[in-house]
């Protein structure tokens, strides 16, 4: 079963990274305040990056990797790879 790693741009300019089976549905939960604590504090604006991976384990590893990126490196990732339309 495929999983996705996603990045959400928040209204304050910060990024939130997560993983899910359905990133669009998960993003809607974030917008409703029912996602992560971070997105309850930093209001989500839009889903800006989605990457498909083979398994939940791979998604979790990739999520941890991206979370360690600097803000600038996350911004580069978002700007150089348009995978949202792939879902």
PDB file of N, CA and C in Angstrom:
ATOM      1  N   UNK A   1       0.845  -1.186   0.000  1.00  0.00           N
ATOM      2  CA  UNK A   1       0.000   0.000   0.000  1.00  0.00           C
ATOM      3  C   UNK A   1       0.887   1.245   0.000  1.00  0.00           C
ATOM      4  N   UNK A   2       0.544   2.205  -0.819  1.00  0.00           N
ATOM      5  CA  UNK A   2       1.348   3.412  -0.940  1.00  0.00           C
ATOM      6  C   UNK A   2       1.008   4.423   0.146  1.00  0.00           C
ATOM      7  N   UNK A   3       2.019   5.129   0.570  1.00  0.00           N
ATOM      8  CA  UNK A   3       1.885   6.235   1.518  1.00  0.00           C
ATOM      9  C   UNK A   3       2.481   7.473   0.877  1.00  0.00           C
ATOM     10  N   UNK A   4       2.216   8.589   1.486  1.00  0.00           N
ATOM     11  CA  UNK A   4       2.705   9.866   0.975  1.00  0.00           C
ATOM     12  C   UNK A   4       3.332  10.671   2.096  1.00  0.00           C
ATOM     13  N   UNK A   5       4.385  11.382   1.748  1.00  0.00           N
ATOM     14  CA  UNK A   5       4.982  12.376   2.637  1.00  0.00           C
ATOM     15  C   UNK A   5       4.541  13.712   2.066  1.00  0.00           C
ATOM     16  N   UNK A   6       4.106  14.609   2.933  1.00  0.00           N
ATOM     17  CA  UNK A   6       3.575  15.876   2.449  1.00  0.00           C
ATOM     18  C   UNK A   6       4.126  17.041   3.259  1.00  0.00           C
ATOM     19  N   UNK A   7       4.092  18.213   2.638  1.00  0.00           N
ATOM     20  CA  UNK A   7       4.486  19.446   3.316  1.00  0.00           C
ATOM     21  C   UNK A   7       3.346  20.445   3.166  1.00  0.00           C
ATOM     22  N   UNK A   8       3.000  21.060   4.275  1.00  0.00           N
ATOM     23  CA  UNK A   8       1.962  22.084   4.317  1.00  0.00           C
ATOM     24  C   UNK A   8       2.634  23.426   4.595  1.00  0.00           C
ATOM     25  N   UNK A   9       2.282  24.419   3.826  1.00  0.00           N
ATOM     26  CA  UNK A   9       2.720  25.788   4.089  1.00  0.00           C
ATOM     27  C   UNK A   9       1.722  26.408   5.059  1.00  0.00           C
ATOM     28  N   UNK A  10       2.226  26.952   6.152  1.00  0.00           N
ATOM     29  CA  UNK A  10       1.364  27.608   7.135  1.00  0.00           C
ATOM     30  C   UNK A  10       1.318  29.104   6.868  1.00  0.00           C
ATOM     31  N   UNK A  11       0.279  29.757   7.388  1.00  0.00           N
ATOM     32  CA  UNK A  11       0.072  31.181   7.110  1.00  0.00           C
ATOM     33  C   UNK A  11       1.199  32.061   7.633  1.00  0.00           C
ATOM     34  N   UNK A  12       1.970  31.571   8.614  1.00  0.00           N
ATOM     35  CA  UNK A  12       3.095  32.347   9.136  1.00  0.00           C
ATOM     36  C   UNK A  12       4.383  32.101   8.346  1.00  0.00           C
ATOM     37  N   UNK A  13       4.284  31.330   7.255  1.00  0.00           N
ATOM     38  CA  UNK A  13       5.448  31.060   6.411  1.00  0.00           C
ATOM     39  C   UNK A  13       6.228  29.821   6.796  1.00  0.00           C
ATOM     40  N   UNK A  14       5.852  29.168   7.878  1.00  0.00           N
ATOM     41  CA  UNK A  14       6.542  27.947   8.294  1.00  0.00           C
ATOM     42  C   UNK A  14       5.984  26.752   7.521  1.00  0.00           C
ATOM     43  N   UNK A  15       6.698  25.627   7.605  1.00  0.00           N
ATOM     44  CA  UNK A  15       6.286  24.406   6.942  1.00  0.00           C
ATOM     45  C   UNK A  15       6.013  23.324   7.975  1.00  0.00           C
ATOM     46  N   UNK A  16       5.007  22.511   7.705  1.00  0.00           N
ATOM     47  CA  UNK A  16       4.738  21.331   8.509  1.00  0.00           C
ATOM     48  C   UNK A  16       4.890  20.120   7.598  1.00  0.00           C
ATOM     49  N   UNK A  17       5.598  19.099   8.054  1.00  0.00           N
ATOM     50  CA  UNK A  17       5.813  17.879   7.279  1.00  0.00           C
ATOM     51  C   UNK A  17       5.132  16.708   7.983  1.00  0.00           C
ATOM     52  N   UNK A  18       4.442  15.882   7.209  1.00  0.00           N
ATOM     53  CA  UNK A  18       3.784  14.716   7.770  1.00  0.00           C
ATOM     54  C   UNK A  18       3.711  13.597   6.748  1.00  0.00           C
ATOM     55  N   UNK A  19       3.075  12.492   7.149  1.00  0.00           N
ATOM     56  CA  UNK A  19       2.856  11.386   6.222  1.00  0.00           C
ATOM     57  C   UNK A  19       1.428  10.885   6.392  1.00  0.00           C
ATOM     58  N   UNK A  20       0.874  10.330   5.313  1.00  0.00           N
ATOM     59  CA  UNK A  20      -0.512   9.862   5.349  1.00  0.00           C
ATOM     60  C   UNK A  20      -0.789   8.972   4.144  1.00  0.00           C
ATOM     61  N   UNK A  21      -1.867   8.198   4.236  1.00  0.00           N
ATOM     62  CA  UNK A  21      -2.332   7.423   3.081  1.00  0.00           C
ATOM     63  C   UNK A  21      -3.015   8.348   2.086  1.00  0.00           C
ATOM     64  N   UNK A  22      -3.710   9.352   2.596  1.00  0.00           N
ATOM     65  CA  UNK A  22      -4.441  10.299   1.760  1.00  0.00           C
ATOM     66  C   UNK A  22      -4.070  11.720   2.206  1.00  0.00           C
ATOM     67  N   UNK A  23      -3.060  12.322   1.585  1.00  0.00           N
ATOM     68  CA  UNK A  23      -2.584  13.631   2.043  1.00  0.00           C
ATOM     69  C   UNK A  23      -3.615  14.746   1.931  1.00  0.00           C
ATOM     70  N   UNK A  24      -4.491  14.688   0.933  1.00  0.00           N
ATOM     71  CA  UNK A  24      -5.512  15.732   0.805  1.00  0.00           C
ATOM     72  C   UNK A  24      -6.500  15.662   1.971  1.00  0.00           C
ATOM     73  N   UNK A  25      -6.917  14.466   2.327  1.00  0.00           N
ATOM     74  CA  UNK A  25      -7.829  14.287   3.463  1.00  0.00           C
ATOM     75  C   UNK A  25      -7.143  14.721   4.763  1.00  0.00           C
ATOM     76  N   UNK A  26      -5.882  14.368   4.897  1.00  0.00           N
ATOM     77  CA  UNK A  26      -5.120  14.749   6.100  1.00  0.00           C
ATOM     78  C   UNK A  26      -4.975  16.260   6.182  1.00  0.00           C
ATOM     79  N   UNK A  27      -4.737  16.911   5.032  1.00  0.00           N
ATOM     80  CA  UNK A  27      -4.642  18.366   5.002  1.00  0.00           C
ATOM     81  C   UNK A  27      -5.957  18.995   5.469  1.00  0.00           C
ATOM     82  N   UNK A  28      -7.078  18.440   5.051  1.00  0.00           N
ATOM     83  CA  UNK A  28      -8.384  18.969   5.485  1.00  0.00           C
ATOM     84  C   UNK A  28      -8.531  18.852   6.998  1.00  0.00           C
ATOM     85  N   UNK A  29      -8.027  17.771   7.576  1.00  0.00           N
ATOM     86  CA  UNK A  29      -8.052  17.633   9.042  1.00  0.00           C
ATOM     87  C   UNK A  29      -7.200  18.712   9.701  1.00  0.00           C
ATOM     88  N   UNK A  30      -6.037  18.984   9.119  1.00  0.00           N
ATOM     89  CA  UNK A  30      -5.184  20.052   9.653  1.00  0.00           C
ATOM     90  C   UNK A  30      -5.932  21.386   9.622  1.00  0.00           C
ATOM     91  N   UNK A  31      -6.604  21.664   8.515  1.00  0.00           N
ATOM     92  CA  UNK A  31      -7.335  22.931   8.374  1.00  0.00           C
ATOM     93  C   UNK A  31      -8.464  23.059   9.397  1.00  0.00           C
ATOM     94  N   UNK A  32      -9.049  21.926   9.770  1.00  0.00           N
ATOM     95  CA  UNK A  32     -10.145  21.924  10.749  1.00  0.00           C
ATOM     96  C   UNK A  32      -9.639  21.922  12.189  1.00  0.00           C
ATOM     97  N   UNK A  33      -8.305  21.939  12.355  1.00  0.00           N
ATOM     98  CA  UNK A  33      -7.747  21.919  13.710  1.00  0.00           C
ATOM     99  C   UNK A  33      -7.704  20.542  14.325  1.00  0.00           C
ATOM    100  N   UNK A  34      -7.856  19.505  13.506  1.00  0.00           N
ATOM    101  CA  UNK A  34      -7.862  18.137  14.014  1.00  0.00           C
ATOM    102  C   UNK A  34      -6.681  17.335  13.500  1.00  0.00           C
ATOM    103  N   UNK A  35      -5.643  18.020  13.038  1.00  0.00           N
ATOM    104  CA  UNK A  35      -4.443  17.345  12.551  1.00  0.00           C
ATOM    105  C   UNK A  35      -3.424  17.254  13.669  1.00  0.00           C
ATOM    106  N   UNK A  36      -2.327  17.923  13.501  1.00  0.00           N
ATOM    107  CA  UNK A  36      -1.249  17.924  14.494  1.00  0.00           C
ATOM    108  C   UNK A  36      -1.336  19.167  15.377  1.00  0.00           C
ATOM    109  N   UNK A  37      -0.730  19.083  16.539  1.00  0.00           N
ATOM    110  CA  UNK A  37      -0.702  20.237  17.441  1.00  0.00           C
ATOM    111  C   UNK A  37      -0.042  21.432  16.755  1.00  0.00           C
ATOM    112  N   UNK A  38       1.007  21.173  15.980  1.00  0.00           N
ATOM    113  CA  UNK A  38       1.717  22.258  15.294  1.00  0.00           C
ATOM    114  C   UNK A  38       0.777  23.050  14.395  1.00  0.00           C
ATOM    115  N   UNK A  39      -0.089  22.354  13.660  1.00  0.00           N
ATOM    116  CA  UNK A  39      -0.983  23.056  12.730  1.00  0.00           C
ATOM    117  C   UNK A  39      -2.201  23.651  13.432  1.00  0.00           C
ATOM    118  N   UNK A  40      -2.393  23.347  14.693  1.00  0.00           N
ATOM    119  CA  UNK A  40      -3.415  24.064  15.467  1.00  0.00           C
ATOM    120  C   UNK A  40      -2.874  25.426  15.885  1.00  0.00           C
ATOM    121  N   UNK A  41      -1.559  25.495  16.086  1.00  0.00           N
ATOM    122  CA  UNK A  41      -0.912  26.744  16.500  1.00  0.00           C
ATOM    123  C   UNK A  41      -0.534  27.580  15.283  1.00  0.00           C
ATOM    124  N   UNK A  42      -0.040  26.921  14.237  1.00  0.00           N
ATOM    125  CA  UNK A  42       0.390  27.585  12.996  1.00  0.00           C
ATOM    126  C   UNK A  42      -0.634  27.224  11.915  1.00  0.00           C
ATOM    127  N   UNK A  43      -1.565  28.128  11.666  1.00  0.00           N
ATOM    128  CA  UNK A  43      -2.684  27.830  10.768  1.00  0.00           C
ATOM    129  C   UNK A  43      -2.220  27.410   9.370  1.00  0.00           C
ATOM    130  N   UNK A  44      -2.663  26.228   8.904  1.00  0.00           N
ATOM    131  CA  UNK A  44      -2.257  25.761   7.585  1.00  0.00           C
ATOM    132  C   UNK A  44      -2.897  26.583   6.466  1.00  0.00           C
ATOM    133  N   UNK A  45      -2.097  26.855   5.435  1.00  0.00           N
ATOM    134  CA  UNK A  45      -2.592  27.625   4.303  1.00  0.00           C
ATOM    135  C   UNK A  45      -2.860  26.732   3.099  1.00  0.00           C
ATOM    136  N   UNK A  46      -1.817  25.951   2.679  1.00  0.00           N
ATOM    137  CA  UNK A  46      -2.028  25.077   1.532  1.00  0.00           C
ATOM    138  C   UNK A  46      -1.046  23.921   1.547  1.00  0.00           C
ATOM    139  N   UNK A  47      -1.451  22.873   0.862  1.00  0.00           N
ATOM    140  CA  UNK A  47      -0.616  21.694   0.667  1.00  0.00           C
ATOM    141  C   UNK A  47       0.317  22.017  -0.491  1.00  0.00           C
ATOM    142  N   UNK A  48       1.630  22.016  -0.230  1.00  0.00           N
ATOM    143  CA  UNK A  48       2.564  22.485  -1.250  1.00  0.00           C
ATOM    144  C   UNK A  48       3.482  21.399  -1.807  1.00  0.00           C
ATOM    145  N   UNK A  49       3.499  20.225  -1.198  1.00  0.00           N
ATOM    146  CA  UNK A  49       4.413  19.175  -1.648  1.00  0.00           C
ATOM    147  C   UNK A  49       3.855  17.816  -1.256  1.00  0.00           C
ATOM    148  N   UNK A  50       3.894  16.878  -2.184  1.00  0.00           N
ATOM    149  CA  UNK A  50       3.482  15.501  -1.910  1.00  0.00           C
ATOM    150  C   UNK A  50       4.454  14.569  -2.626  1.00  0.00           C
ATOM    151  N   UNK A  51       4.929  13.578  -1.898  1.00  0.00           N
ATOM    152  CA  UNK A  51       5.864  12.593  -2.449  1.00  0.00           C
ATOM    153  C   UNK A  51       5.336  11.195  -2.126  1.00  0.00           C
ATOM    154  N   UNK A  52       5.142  10.378  -3.136  1.00  0.00           N
ATOM    155  CA  UNK A  52       4.661   9.019  -2.936  1.00  0.00           C
ATOM    156  C   UNK A  52       5.824   8.099  -2.597  1.00  0.00           C
ATOM    157  N   UNK A  53       5.598   7.230  -1.608  1.00  0.00           N
ATOM    158  CA  UNK A  53       6.601   6.227  -1.220  1.00  0.00           C
ATOM    159  C   UNK A  53       5.918   4.866  -1.117  1.00  0.00           C
ATOM    160  N   UNK A  54       6.723   3.825  -1.025  1.00  0.00           N
ATOM    161  CA  UNK A  54       6.205   2.456  -1.089  1.00  0.00           C
ATOM    162  C   UNK A  54       5.513   1.954   0.180  1.00  0.00           C
ATOM    163  N   UNK A  55       5.932   2.442   1.358  1.00  0.00           N
ATOM    164  CA  UNK A  55       5.398   1.870   2.590  1.00  0.00           C
ATOM    165  C   UNK A  55       5.330   2.929   3.695  1.00  0.00           C
ATOM    166  N   UNK A  56       4.619   2.587   4.754  1.00  0.00           N
ATOM    167  CA  UNK A  56       4.521   3.491   5.903  1.00  0.00           C
ATOM    168  C   UNK A  56       5.896   3.700   6.528  1.00  0.00           C
ATOM    169  N   UNK A  57       6.667   2.649   6.617  1.00  0.00           N
ATOM    170  CA  UNK A  57       8.008   2.735   7.180  1.00  0.00           C
ATOM    171  C   UNK A  57       8.878   3.717   6.384  1.00  0.00           C
ATOM    172  N   UNK A  58       8.833   3.610   5.066  1.00  0.00           N
ATOM    173  CA  UNK A  58       9.595   4.523   4.210  1.00  0.00           C
ATOM    174  C   UNK A  58       9.091   5.950   4.364  1.00  0.00           C
ATOM    175  N   UNK A  59       7.782   6.111   4.480  1.00  0.00           N
ATOM    176  CA  UNK A  59       7.195   7.447   4.660  1.00  0.00           C
ATOM    177  C   UNK A  59       7.676   8.075   5.966  1.00  0.00           C
ATOM    178  N   UNK A  60       7.713   7.284   7.023  1.00  0.00           N
ATOM    179  CA  UNK A  60       8.158   7.802   8.325  1.00  0.00           C
ATOM    180  C   UNK A  60       9.628   8.206   8.284  1.00  0.00           C
ATOM    181  N   UNK A  61      10.452   7.417   7.618  1.00  0.00           N
ATOM    182  CA  UNK A  61      11.876   7.741   7.500  1.00  0.00           C
ATOM    183  C   UNK A  61      12.072   9.022   6.691  1.00  0.00           C
ATOM    184  N   UNK A  62      11.348   9.137   5.582  1.00  0.00           N
ATOM    185  CA  UNK A  62      11.469  10.326   4.734  1.00  0.00           C
ATOM    186  C   UNK A  62      10.944  11.562   5.474  1.00  0.00           C
ATOM    187  N   UNK A  63       9.855  11.404   6.219  1.00  0.00           N
ATOM    188  CA  UNK A  63       9.315  12.514   7.015  1.00  0.00           C
ATOM    189  C   UNK A  63      10.365  13.018   8.002  1.00  0.00           C
ATOM    190  N   UNK A  64      10.997  12.102   8.717  1.00  0.00           N
ATOM    191  CA  UNK A  64      12.041  12.496   9.683  1.00  0.00           C
ATOM    192  C   UNK A  64      13.185  13.214   8.980  1.00  0.00           C
ATOM    193  N   UNK A  65      13.566  12.716   7.803  1.00  0.00           N
ATOM    194  CA  UNK A  65      14.645  13.340   7.038  1.00  0.00           C
ATOM    195  C   UNK A  65      14.274  14.784   6.672  1.00  0.00           C
ATOM    196  N   UNK A  66      13.080  14.974   6.137  1.00  0.00           N
ATOM    197  CA  UNK A  66      12.649  16.320   5.729  1.00  0.00           C
ATOM    198  C   UNK A  66      12.504  17.239   6.930  1.00  0.00           C
ATOM    199  N   UNK A  67      12.017  16.725   8.044  1.00  0.00           N
ATOM    200  CA  UNK A  67      11.860  17.559   9.246  1.00  0.00           C
ATOM    201  C   UNK A  67      13.199  18.105   9.740  1.00  0.00           C
ATOM    202  N   UNK A  68      14.294  17.421   9.418  1.00  0.00           N
ATOM    203  CA  UNK A  68      15.618  17.906   9.822  1.00  0.00           C
ATOM    204  C   UNK A  68      16.163  18.959   8.860  1.00  0.00           C
ATOM    205  N   UNK A  69      15.523  19.136   7.708  1.00  0.00           N
ATOM    206  CA  UNK A  69      15.964  20.151   6.740  1.00  0.00           C
ATOM    207  C   UNK A  69      15.766  21.550   7.319  1.00  0.00           C
ATOM    208  N   UNK A  70      16.609  22.464   6.885  1.00  0.00           N
ATOM    209  CA  UNK A  70      16.406  23.872   7.232  1.00  0.00           C
ATOM    210  C   UNK A  70      15.180  24.381   6.477  1.00  0.00           C
ATOM    211  N   UNK A  71      14.681  25.533   6.890  1.00  0.00           N
ATOM    212  CA  UNK A  71      13.541  26.144   6.203  1.00  0.00           C
ATOM    213  C   UNK A  71      13.877  26.364   4.727  1.00  0.00           C
ATOM    214  N   UNK A  72      15.085  26.851   4.471  1.00  0.00           N
ATOM    215  CA  UNK A  72      15.499  27.117   3.090  1.00  0.00           C
ATOM    216  C   UNK A  72      15.550  25.832   2.262  1.00  0.00           C
ATOM    217  N   UNK A  73      16.038  24.756   2.855  1.00  0.00           N
ATOM    218  CA  UNK A  73      16.123  23.494   2.119  1.00  0.00           C
ATOM    219  C   UNK A  73      14.722  22.940   1.837  1.00  0.00           C
ATOM    220  N   UNK A  74      13.795  23.102   2.789  1.00  0.00           N
ATOM    221  CA  UNK A  74      12.407  22.688   2.544  1.00  0.00           C
ATOM    222  C   UNK A  74      11.809  23.516   1.413  1.00  0.00           C
ATOM    223  N   UNK A  75      12.104  24.794   1.412  1.00  0.00           N
ATOM    224  CA  UNK A  75      11.599  25.679   0.362  1.00  0.00           C
ATOM    225  C   UNK A  75      12.139  25.244  -1.010  1.00  0.00           C
ATOM    226  N   UNK A  76      13.411  24.874  -1.064  1.00  0.00           N
ATOM    227  CA  UNK A  76      13.998  24.380  -2.320  1.00  0.00           C
ATOM    228  C   UNK A  76      13.283  23.116  -2.783  1.00  0.00           C
ATOM    229  N   UNK A  77      13.027  22.208  -1.856  1.00  0.00           N
ATOM    230  CA  UNK A  77      12.335  20.967  -2.176  1.00  0.00           C
ATOM    231  C   UNK A  77      10.949  21.254  -2.750  1.00  0.00           C
ATOM    232  N   UNK A  78      10.224  22.140  -2.110  1.00  0.00           N
ATOM    233  CA  UNK A  78       8.881  22.513  -2.562  1.00  0.00           C
ATOM    234  C   UNK A  78       8.934  23.143  -3.950  1.00  0.00           C
ATOM    235  N   UNK A  79       9.926  23.991  -4.187  1.00  0.00           N
ATOM    236  CA  UNK A  79      10.005  24.722  -5.457  1.00  0.00           C
ATOM    237  C   UNK A  79      10.569  23.920  -6.615  1.00  0.00           C
ATOM    238  N   UNK A  80      11.317  22.863  -6.331  1.00  0.00           N
ATOM    239  CA  UNK A  80      11.953  22.123  -7.420  1.00  0.00           C
ATOM    240  C   UNK A  80      11.206  20.858  -7.803  1.00  0.00           C
ATOM    241  N   UNK A  81      10.195  20.507  -7.044  1.00  0.00           N
ATOM    242  CA  UNK A  81       9.506  19.257  -7.338  1.00  0.00           C
ATOM    243  C   UNK A  81       8.004  19.446  -7.234  1.00  0.00           C
ATOM    244  N   UNK A  82       7.322  19.382  -8.336  1.00  0.00           N
ATOM    245  CA  UNK A  82       5.867  19.544  -8.369  1.00  0.00           C
ATOM    246  C   UNK A  82       5.216  18.165  -8.451  1.00  0.00           C
ATOM    247  N   UNK A  83       4.956  17.575  -7.279  1.00  0.00           N
ATOM    248  CA  UNK A  83       4.374  16.230  -7.271  1.00  0.00           C
ATOM    249  C   UNK A  83       2.941  16.221  -6.776  1.00  0.00           C
ATOM    250  N   UNK A  84       2.388  17.371  -6.467  1.00  0.00           N
ATOM    251  CA  UNK A  84       1.017  17.400  -5.944  1.00  0.00           C
ATOM    252  C   UNK A  84       0.045  16.816  -6.965  1.00  0.00           C
ATOM    253  N   UNK A  85       0.264  17.062  -8.232  1.00  0.00           N
ATOM    254  CA  UNK A  85      -0.644  16.561  -9.254  1.00  0.00           C
ATOM    255  C   UNK A  85      -0.523  15.059  -9.475  1.00  0.00           C
ATOM    256  N   UNK A  86       0.466  14.424  -8.861  1.00  0.00           N
ATOM    257  CA  UNK A  86       0.655  12.999  -9.022  1.00  0.00           C
ATOM    258  C   UNK A  86      -0.271  12.158  -8.143  1.00  0.00           C
ATOM    259  N   UNK A  87      -0.928  12.786  -7.180  1.00  0.00           N
ATOM    260  CA  UNK A  87      -1.773  12.006  -6.259  1.00  0.00           C
ATOM    261  C   UNK A  87      -3.167  11.816  -6.793  1.00  0.00           C
TER     262      UNK A  87
END
